[in-house]
């Protein structure tokens, strides 16, 4: 089952975005900006099975965790 896109609600209007709270000079932030996430999403999309298992986690989350590992 493919991951569902996260909805953005109007509740976030007055909240700071997560990327505004992070240091843009950090090496992991710069690495995340250089990765082509749409290509990875398309590459791993055939690994998802809609008929079995629990709902999937986002590809960006899973790839990011493997980088940290």
PDB file of N, CA and C in Angstrom:
ATOM      1  N   UNK A   1       0.845  -1.163   0.000  1.00  0.00           N
ATOM      2  CA  UNK A   1       0.000   0.000   0.000  1.00  0.00           C
ATOM      3  C   UNK A   1       0.898   1.235   0.000  1.00  0.00           C
ATOM      4  N   UNK A   2       0.683   2.144  -0.940  1.00  0.00           N
ATOM      5  CA  UNK A   2       1.510   3.341  -1.037  1.00  0.00           C
ATOM      6  C   UNK A   2       1.209   4.297   0.121  1.00  0.00           C
ATOM      7  N   UNK A   3       2.214   5.094   0.511  1.00  0.00           N
ATOM      8  CA  UNK A   3       1.966   6.063   1.576  1.00  0.00           C
ATOM      9  C   UNK A   3       1.007   7.148   1.114  1.00  0.00           C
ATOM     10  N   UNK A   4       0.199   7.615   2.034  1.00  0.00           N
ATOM     11  CA  UNK A   4      -0.759   8.668   1.704  1.00  0.00           C
ATOM     12  C   UNK A   4      -0.089  10.027   1.862  1.00  0.00           C
ATOM     13  N   UNK A   5      -0.367  10.968   0.961  1.00  0.00           N
ATOM     14  CA  UNK A   5       0.222  12.298   1.122  1.00  0.00           C
ATOM     15  C   UNK A   5      -0.305  12.986   2.379  1.00  0.00           C
ATOM     16  N   UNK A   6       0.571  13.711   3.022  1.00  0.00           N
ATOM     17  CA  UNK A   6       0.207  14.392   4.254  1.00  0.00           C
ATOM     18  C   UNK A   6      -0.545  15.682   3.924  1.00  0.00           C
ATOM     19  N   UNK A   7      -1.776  15.842   4.422  1.00  0.00           N
ATOM     20  CA  UNK A   7      -2.519  17.078   4.134  1.00  0.00           C
ATOM     21  C   UNK A   7      -1.956  18.256   4.921  1.00  0.00           C
ATOM     22  N   UNK A   8      -2.008  19.412   4.315  1.00  0.00           N
ATOM     23  CA  UNK A   8      -1.593  20.642   4.994  1.00  0.00           C
ATOM     24  C   UNK A   8      -2.861  21.416   5.314  1.00  0.00           C
ATOM     25  N   UNK A   9      -3.102  21.630   6.588  1.00  0.00           N
ATOM     26  CA  UNK A   9      -4.324  22.348   6.938  1.00  0.00           C
ATOM     27  C   UNK A   9      -4.045  23.796   7.288  1.00  0.00           C
ATOM     28  N   UNK A  10      -5.123  24.547   7.379  1.00  0.00           N
ATOM     29  CA  UNK A  10      -4.999  25.967   7.683  1.00  0.00           C
ATOM     30  C   UNK A  10      -4.504  26.189   9.107  1.00  0.00           C
ATOM     31  N   UNK A  11      -4.525  25.142   9.930  1.00  0.00           N
ATOM     32  CA  UNK A  11      -4.032  25.241  11.293  1.00  0.00           C
ATOM     33  C   UNK A  11      -2.551  25.634  11.308  1.00  0.00           C
ATOM     34  N   UNK A  12      -1.819  25.267  10.271  1.00  0.00           N
ATOM     35  CA  UNK A  12      -0.390  25.544  10.213  1.00  0.00           C
ATOM     36  C   UNK A  12      -0.083  26.984   9.811  1.00  0.00           C
ATOM     37  N   UNK A  13      -1.074  27.788   9.587  1.00  0.00           N
ATOM     38  CA  UNK A  13      -0.866  29.137   9.088  1.00  0.00           C
ATOM     39  C   UNK A  13       0.042  29.956   9.994  1.00  0.00           C
ATOM     40  N   UNK A  14      -0.154  29.867  11.295  1.00  0.00           N
ATOM     41  CA  UNK A  14       0.618  30.681  12.229  1.00  0.00           C
ATOM     42  C   UNK A  14       1.733  29.910  12.921  1.00  0.00           C
ATOM     43  N   UNK A  15       1.991  28.705  12.496  1.00  0.00           N
ATOM     44  CA  UNK A  15       3.062  27.922  13.083  1.00  0.00           C
ATOM     45  C   UNK A  15       4.300  28.011  12.202  1.00  0.00           C
ATOM     46  N   UNK A  16       5.463  27.932  12.822  1.00  0.00           N
ATOM     47  CA  UNK A  16       6.714  27.942  12.066  1.00  0.00           C
ATOM     48  C   UNK A  16       6.880  26.596  11.367  1.00  0.00           C
ATOM     49  N   UNK A  17       7.367  26.640  10.162  1.00  0.00           N
ATOM     50  CA  UNK A  17       7.646  25.400   9.453  1.00  0.00           C
ATOM     51  C   UNK A  17       8.896  24.754  10.045  1.00  0.00           C
ATOM     52  N   UNK A  18       8.945  23.445   9.953  1.00  0.00           N
ATOM     53  CA  UNK A  18      10.048  22.702  10.557  1.00  0.00           C
ATOM     54  C   UNK A  18      11.381  23.116   9.946  1.00  0.00           C
ATOM     55  N   UNK A  19      11.408  23.362   8.633  1.00  0.00           N
ATOM     56  CA  UNK A  19      12.669  23.735   7.989  1.00  0.00           C
ATOM     57  C   UNK A  19      13.162  25.113   8.421  1.00  0.00           C
ATOM     58  N   UNK A  20      12.298  25.948   8.970  1.00  0.00           N
ATOM     59  CA  UNK A  20      12.722  27.251   9.472  1.00  0.00           C
ATOM     60  C   UNK A  20      13.405  27.129  10.834  1.00  0.00           C
ATOM     61  N   UNK A  21      13.158  26.053  11.538  1.00  0.00           N
ATOM     62  CA  UNK A  21      13.757  25.861  12.852  1.00  0.00           C
ATOM     63  C   UNK A  21      15.108  25.170  12.778  1.00  0.00           C
ATOM     64  N   UNK A  22      15.440  24.596  11.624  1.00  0.00           N
ATOM     65  CA  UNK A  22      16.683  23.850  11.490  1.00  0.00           C
ATOM     66  C   UNK A  22      17.797  24.734  10.947  1.00  0.00           C
ATOM     67  N   UNK A  23      19.040  24.335  11.216  1.00  0.00           N
ATOM     68  CA  UNK A  23      20.204  25.049  10.718  1.00  0.00           C
ATOM     69  C   UNK A  23      20.449  24.648   9.270  1.00  0.00           C
ATOM     70  N   UNK A  24      20.304  25.580   8.347  1.00  0.00           N
ATOM     71  CA  UNK A  24      20.451  25.264   6.918  1.00  0.00           C
ATOM     72  C   UNK A  24      21.888  24.940   6.532  1.00  0.00           C
ATOM     73  N   UNK A  25      22.844  25.206   7.425  1.00  0.00           N
ATOM     74  CA  UNK A  25      24.249  24.909   7.149  1.00  0.00           C
ATOM     75  C   UNK A  25      24.636  23.496   7.603  1.00  0.00           C
ATOM     76  N   UNK A  26      23.730  22.787   8.256  1.00  0.00           N
ATOM     77  CA  UNK A  26      24.027  21.434   8.739  1.00  0.00           C
ATOM     78  C   UNK A  26      24.209  20.501   7.545  1.00  0.00           C
ATOM     79  N   UNK A  27      25.145  19.569   7.665  1.00  0.00           N
ATOM     80  CA  UNK A  27      25.492  18.678   6.556  1.00  0.00           C
ATOM     81  C   UNK A  27      24.310  17.811   6.111  1.00  0.00           C
ATOM     82  N   UNK A  28      23.498  17.335   7.057  1.00  0.00           N
ATOM     83  CA  UNK A  28      22.366  16.488   6.678  1.00  0.00           C
ATOM     84  C   UNK A  28      21.271  17.284   5.973  1.00  0.00           C
ATOM     85  N   UNK A  29      21.108  18.552   6.317  1.00  0.00           N
ATOM     86  CA  UNK A  29      20.130  19.401   5.643  1.00  0.00           C
ATOM     87  C   UNK A  29      20.580  19.656   4.209  1.00  0.00           C
ATOM     88  N   UNK A  30      21.866  19.926   4.027  1.00  0.00           N
ATOM     89  CA  UNK A  30      22.389  20.148   2.681  1.00  0.00           C
ATOM     90  C   UNK A  30      22.302  18.880   1.841  1.00  0.00           C
ATOM     91  N   UNK A  31      22.535  17.728   2.453  1.00  0.00           N
ATOM     92  CA  UNK A  31      22.411  16.460   1.733  1.00  0.00           C
ATOM     93  C   UNK A  31      20.975  16.220   1.295  1.00  0.00           C
ATOM     94  N   UNK A  32      20.018  16.502   2.176  1.00  0.00           N
ATOM     95  CA  UNK A  32      18.607  16.297   1.838  1.00  0.00           C
ATOM     96  C   UNK A  32      18.177  17.187   0.678  1.00  0.00           C
ATOM     97  N   UNK A  33      18.774  18.364   0.566  1.00  0.00           N
ATOM     98  CA  UNK A  33      18.439  19.255  -0.542  1.00  0.00           C
ATOM     99  C   UNK A  33      19.010  18.770  -1.872  1.00  0.00           C
ATOM    100  N   UNK A  34      20.068  17.980  -1.818  1.00  0.00           N
ATOM    101  CA  UNK A  34      20.724  17.511  -3.046  1.00  0.00           C
ATOM    102  C   UNK A  34      20.130  16.209  -3.582  1.00  0.00           C
ATOM    103  N   UNK A  35      19.392  15.489  -2.759  1.00  0.00           N
ATOM    104  CA  UNK A  35      18.826  14.202  -3.177  1.00  0.00           C
ATOM    105  C   UNK A  35      17.583  14.442  -4.025  1.00  0.00           C
ATOM    106  N   UNK A  36      17.479  13.709  -5.127  1.00  0.00           N
ATOM    107  CA  UNK A  36      16.309  13.790  -6.007  1.00  0.00           C
ATOM    108  C   UNK A  36      15.235  12.852  -5.451  1.00  0.00           C
ATOM    109  N   UNK A  37      14.373  13.384  -4.581  1.00  0.00           N
ATOM    110  CA  UNK A  37      13.377  12.570  -3.892  1.00  0.00           C
ATOM    111  C   UNK A  37      12.311  12.047  -4.843  1.00  0.00           C
ATOM    112  N   UNK A  38      11.972  12.789  -5.888  1.00  0.00           N
ATOM    113  CA  UNK A  38      10.953  12.310  -6.833  1.00  0.00           C
ATOM    114  C   UNK A  38      11.444  11.095  -7.593  1.00  0.00           C
ATOM    115  N   UNK A  39      12.739  11.069  -7.914  1.00  0.00           N
ATOM    116  CA  UNK A  39      13.303   9.896  -8.601  1.00  0.00           C
ATOM    117  C   UNK A  39      13.270   8.671  -7.679  1.00  0.00           C
ATOM    118  N   UNK A  40      13.633   8.865  -6.421  1.00  0.00           N
ATOM    119  CA  UNK A  40      13.596   7.744  -5.473  1.00  0.00           C
ATOM    120  C   UNK A  40      12.174   7.256  -5.251  1.00  0.00           C
ATOM    121  N   UNK A  41      11.240   8.182  -5.189  1.00  0.00           N
ATOM    122  CA  UNK A  41       9.835   7.807  -5.014  1.00  0.00           C
ATOM    123  C   UNK A  41       9.352   6.969  -6.192  1.00  0.00           C
ATOM    124  N   UNK A  42       9.718   7.368  -7.397  1.00  0.00           N
ATOM    125  CA  UNK A  42       9.326   6.605  -8.588  1.00  0.00           C
ATOM    126  C   UNK A  42      10.031   5.250  -8.639  1.00  0.00           C
ATOM    127  N   UNK A  43      11.281   5.218  -8.208  1.00  0.00           N
ATOM    128  CA  UNK A  43      12.050   3.966  -8.239  1.00  0.00           C
ATOM    129  C   UNK A  43      11.491   2.929  -7.271  1.00  0.00           C
ATOM    130  N   UNK A  44      11.128   3.365  -6.068  1.00  0.00           N
ATOM    131  CA  UNK A  44      10.658   2.436  -5.050  1.00  0.00           C
ATOM    132  C   UNK A  44       9.150   2.211  -5.071  1.00  0.00           C
ATOM    133  N   UNK A  45       8.441   2.876  -5.953  1.00  0.00           N
ATOM    134  CA  UNK A  45       6.981   2.735  -5.970  1.00  0.00           C
ATOM    135  C   UNK A  45       6.540   1.321  -6.342  1.00  0.00           C
ATOM    136  N   UNK A  46       7.350   0.589  -7.103  1.00  0.00           N
ATOM    137  CA  UNK A  46       6.965  -0.773  -7.468  1.00  0.00           C
ATOM    138  C   UNK A  46       7.162  -1.765  -6.315  1.00  0.00           C
ATOM    139  N   UNK A  47       7.758  -1.314  -5.211  1.00  0.00           N
ATOM    140  CA  UNK A  47       7.954  -2.182  -4.047  1.00  0.00           C
ATOM    141  C   UNK A  47       6.722  -2.237  -3.149  1.00  0.00           C
ATOM    142  N   UNK A  48       5.769  -1.352  -3.378  1.00  0.00           N
ATOM    143  CA  UNK A  48       4.569  -1.293  -2.543  1.00  0.00           C
ATOM    144  C   UNK A  48       3.488  -2.206  -3.101  1.00  0.00           C
ATOM    145  N   UNK A  49       2.852  -2.957  -2.222  1.00  0.00           N
ATOM    146  CA  UNK A  49       1.758  -3.855  -2.598  1.00  0.00           C
ATOM    147  C   UNK A  49       0.487  -3.341  -1.952  1.00  0.00           C
ATOM    148  N   UNK A  50      -0.517  -2.955  -2.743  1.00  0.00           N
ATOM    149  CA  UNK A  50      -1.738  -2.389  -2.156  1.00  0.00           C
ATOM    150  C   UNK A  50      -2.623  -3.418  -1.454  1.00  0.00           C
ATOM    151  N   UNK A  51      -2.400  -4.702  -1.725  1.00  0.00           N
ATOM    152  CA  UNK A  51      -3.313  -5.714  -1.200  1.00  0.00           C
ATOM    153  C   UNK A  51      -2.830  -6.403   0.078  1.00  0.00           C
ATOM    154  N   UNK A  52      -1.578  -6.197   0.469  1.00  0.00           N
ATOM    155  CA  UNK A  52      -1.087  -6.845   1.693  1.00  0.00           C
ATOM    156  C   UNK A  52      -0.330  -5.847   2.560  1.00  0.00           C
ATOM    157  N   UNK A  53      -0.315  -6.116   3.839  1.00  0.00           N
ATOM    158  CA  UNK A  53       0.479  -5.347   4.779  1.00  0.00           C
ATOM    159  C   UNK A  53      -0.186  -4.084   5.279  1.00  0.00           C
ATOM    160  N   UNK A  54       0.508  -3.449   6.183  1.00  0.00           N
ATOM    161  CA  UNK A  54       0.045  -2.199   6.778  1.00  0.00           C
ATOM    162  C   UNK A  54       0.317  -1.045   5.812  1.00  0.00           C
ATOM    163  N   UNK A  55      -0.330   0.093   6.020  1.00  0.00           N
ATOM    164  CA  UNK A  55      -0.030   1.253   5.165  1.00  0.00           C
ATOM    165  C   UNK A  55       1.461   1.599   5.225  1.00  0.00           C
ATOM    166  N   UNK A  56       1.994   1.983   4.107  1.00  0.00           N
ATOM    167  CA  UNK A  56       3.433   2.205   3.985  1.00  0.00           C
ATOM    168  C   UNK A  56       3.862   3.528   4.605  1.00  0.00           C
ATOM    169  N   UNK A  57       5.114   3.577   4.952  1.00  0.00           N
ATOM    170  CA  UNK A  57       5.742   4.825   5.379  1.00  0.00           C
ATOM    171  C   UNK A  57       6.235   5.546   4.129  1.00  0.00           C
ATOM    172  N   UNK A  58       6.475   6.825   4.234  1.00  0.00           N
ATOM    173  CA  UNK A  58       6.936   7.612   3.106  1.00  0.00           C
ATOM    174  C   UNK A  58       8.327   7.150   2.657  1.00  0.00           C
ATOM    175  N   UNK A  59       8.563   7.172   1.365  1.00  0.00           N
ATOM    176  CA  UNK A  59       9.855   6.763   0.810  1.00  0.00           C
ATOM    177  C   UNK A  59      10.963   7.655   1.357  1.00  0.00           C
ATOM    178  N   UNK A  60      10.686   8.954   1.470  1.00  0.00           N
ATOM    179  CA  UNK A  60      11.700   9.877   1.980  1.00  0.00           C
ATOM    180  C   UNK A  60      12.106   9.514   3.405  1.00  0.00           C
ATOM    181  N   UNK A  61      11.162   9.124   4.230  1.00  0.00           N
ATOM    182  CA  UNK A  61      11.473   8.712   5.596  1.00  0.00           C
ATOM    183  C   UNK A  61      12.348   7.467   5.598  1.00  0.00           C
ATOM    184  N   UNK A  62      11.981   6.471   4.815  1.00  0.00           N
ATOM    185  CA  UNK A  62      12.720   5.211   4.825  1.00  0.00           C
ATOM    186  C   UNK A  62      14.136   5.373   4.269  1.00  0.00           C
ATOM    187  N   UNK A  63      14.277   6.135   3.180  1.00  0.00           N
ATOM    188  CA  UNK A  63      15.606   6.368   2.609  1.00  0.00           C
ATOM    189  C   UNK A  63      16.451   7.193   3.572  1.00  0.00           C
ATOM    190  N   UNK A  64      15.842   8.199   4.189  1.00  0.00           N
ATOM    191  CA  UNK A  64      16.567   9.014   5.157  1.00  0.00           C
ATOM    192  C   UNK A  64      17.061   8.208   6.345  1.00  0.00           C
ATOM    193  N   UNK A  65      16.251   7.279   6.820  1.00  0.00           N
ATOM    194  CA  UNK A  65      16.676   6.424   7.934  1.00  0.00           C
ATOM    195  C   UNK A  65      17.832   5.513   7.530  1.00  0.00           C
ATOM    196  N   UNK A  66      17.827   5.049   6.297  1.00  0.00           N
ATOM    197  CA  UNK A  66      18.950   4.223   5.834  1.00  0.00           C
ATOM    198  C   UNK A  66      20.232   5.040   5.725  1.00  0.00           C
ATOM    199  N   UNK A  67      20.115   6.293   5.303  1.00  0.00           N
ATOM    200  CA  UNK A  67      21.312   7.160   5.282  1.00  0.00           C
ATOM    201  C   UNK A  67      21.868   7.353   6.679  1.00  0.00           C
ATOM    202  N   UNK A  68      20.987   7.571   7.655  1.00  0.00           N
ATOM    203  CA  UNK A  68      21.459   7.769   9.024  1.00  0.00           C
ATOM    204  C   UNK A  68      22.086   6.505   9.604  1.00  0.00           C
ATOM    205  N   UNK A  69      21.572   5.372   9.174  1.00  0.00           N
ATOM    206  CA  UNK A  69      22.060   4.101   9.677  1.00  0.00           C
ATOM    207  C   UNK A  69      23.490   3.905   9.239  1.00  0.00           C
TER     208      UNK A  69
END
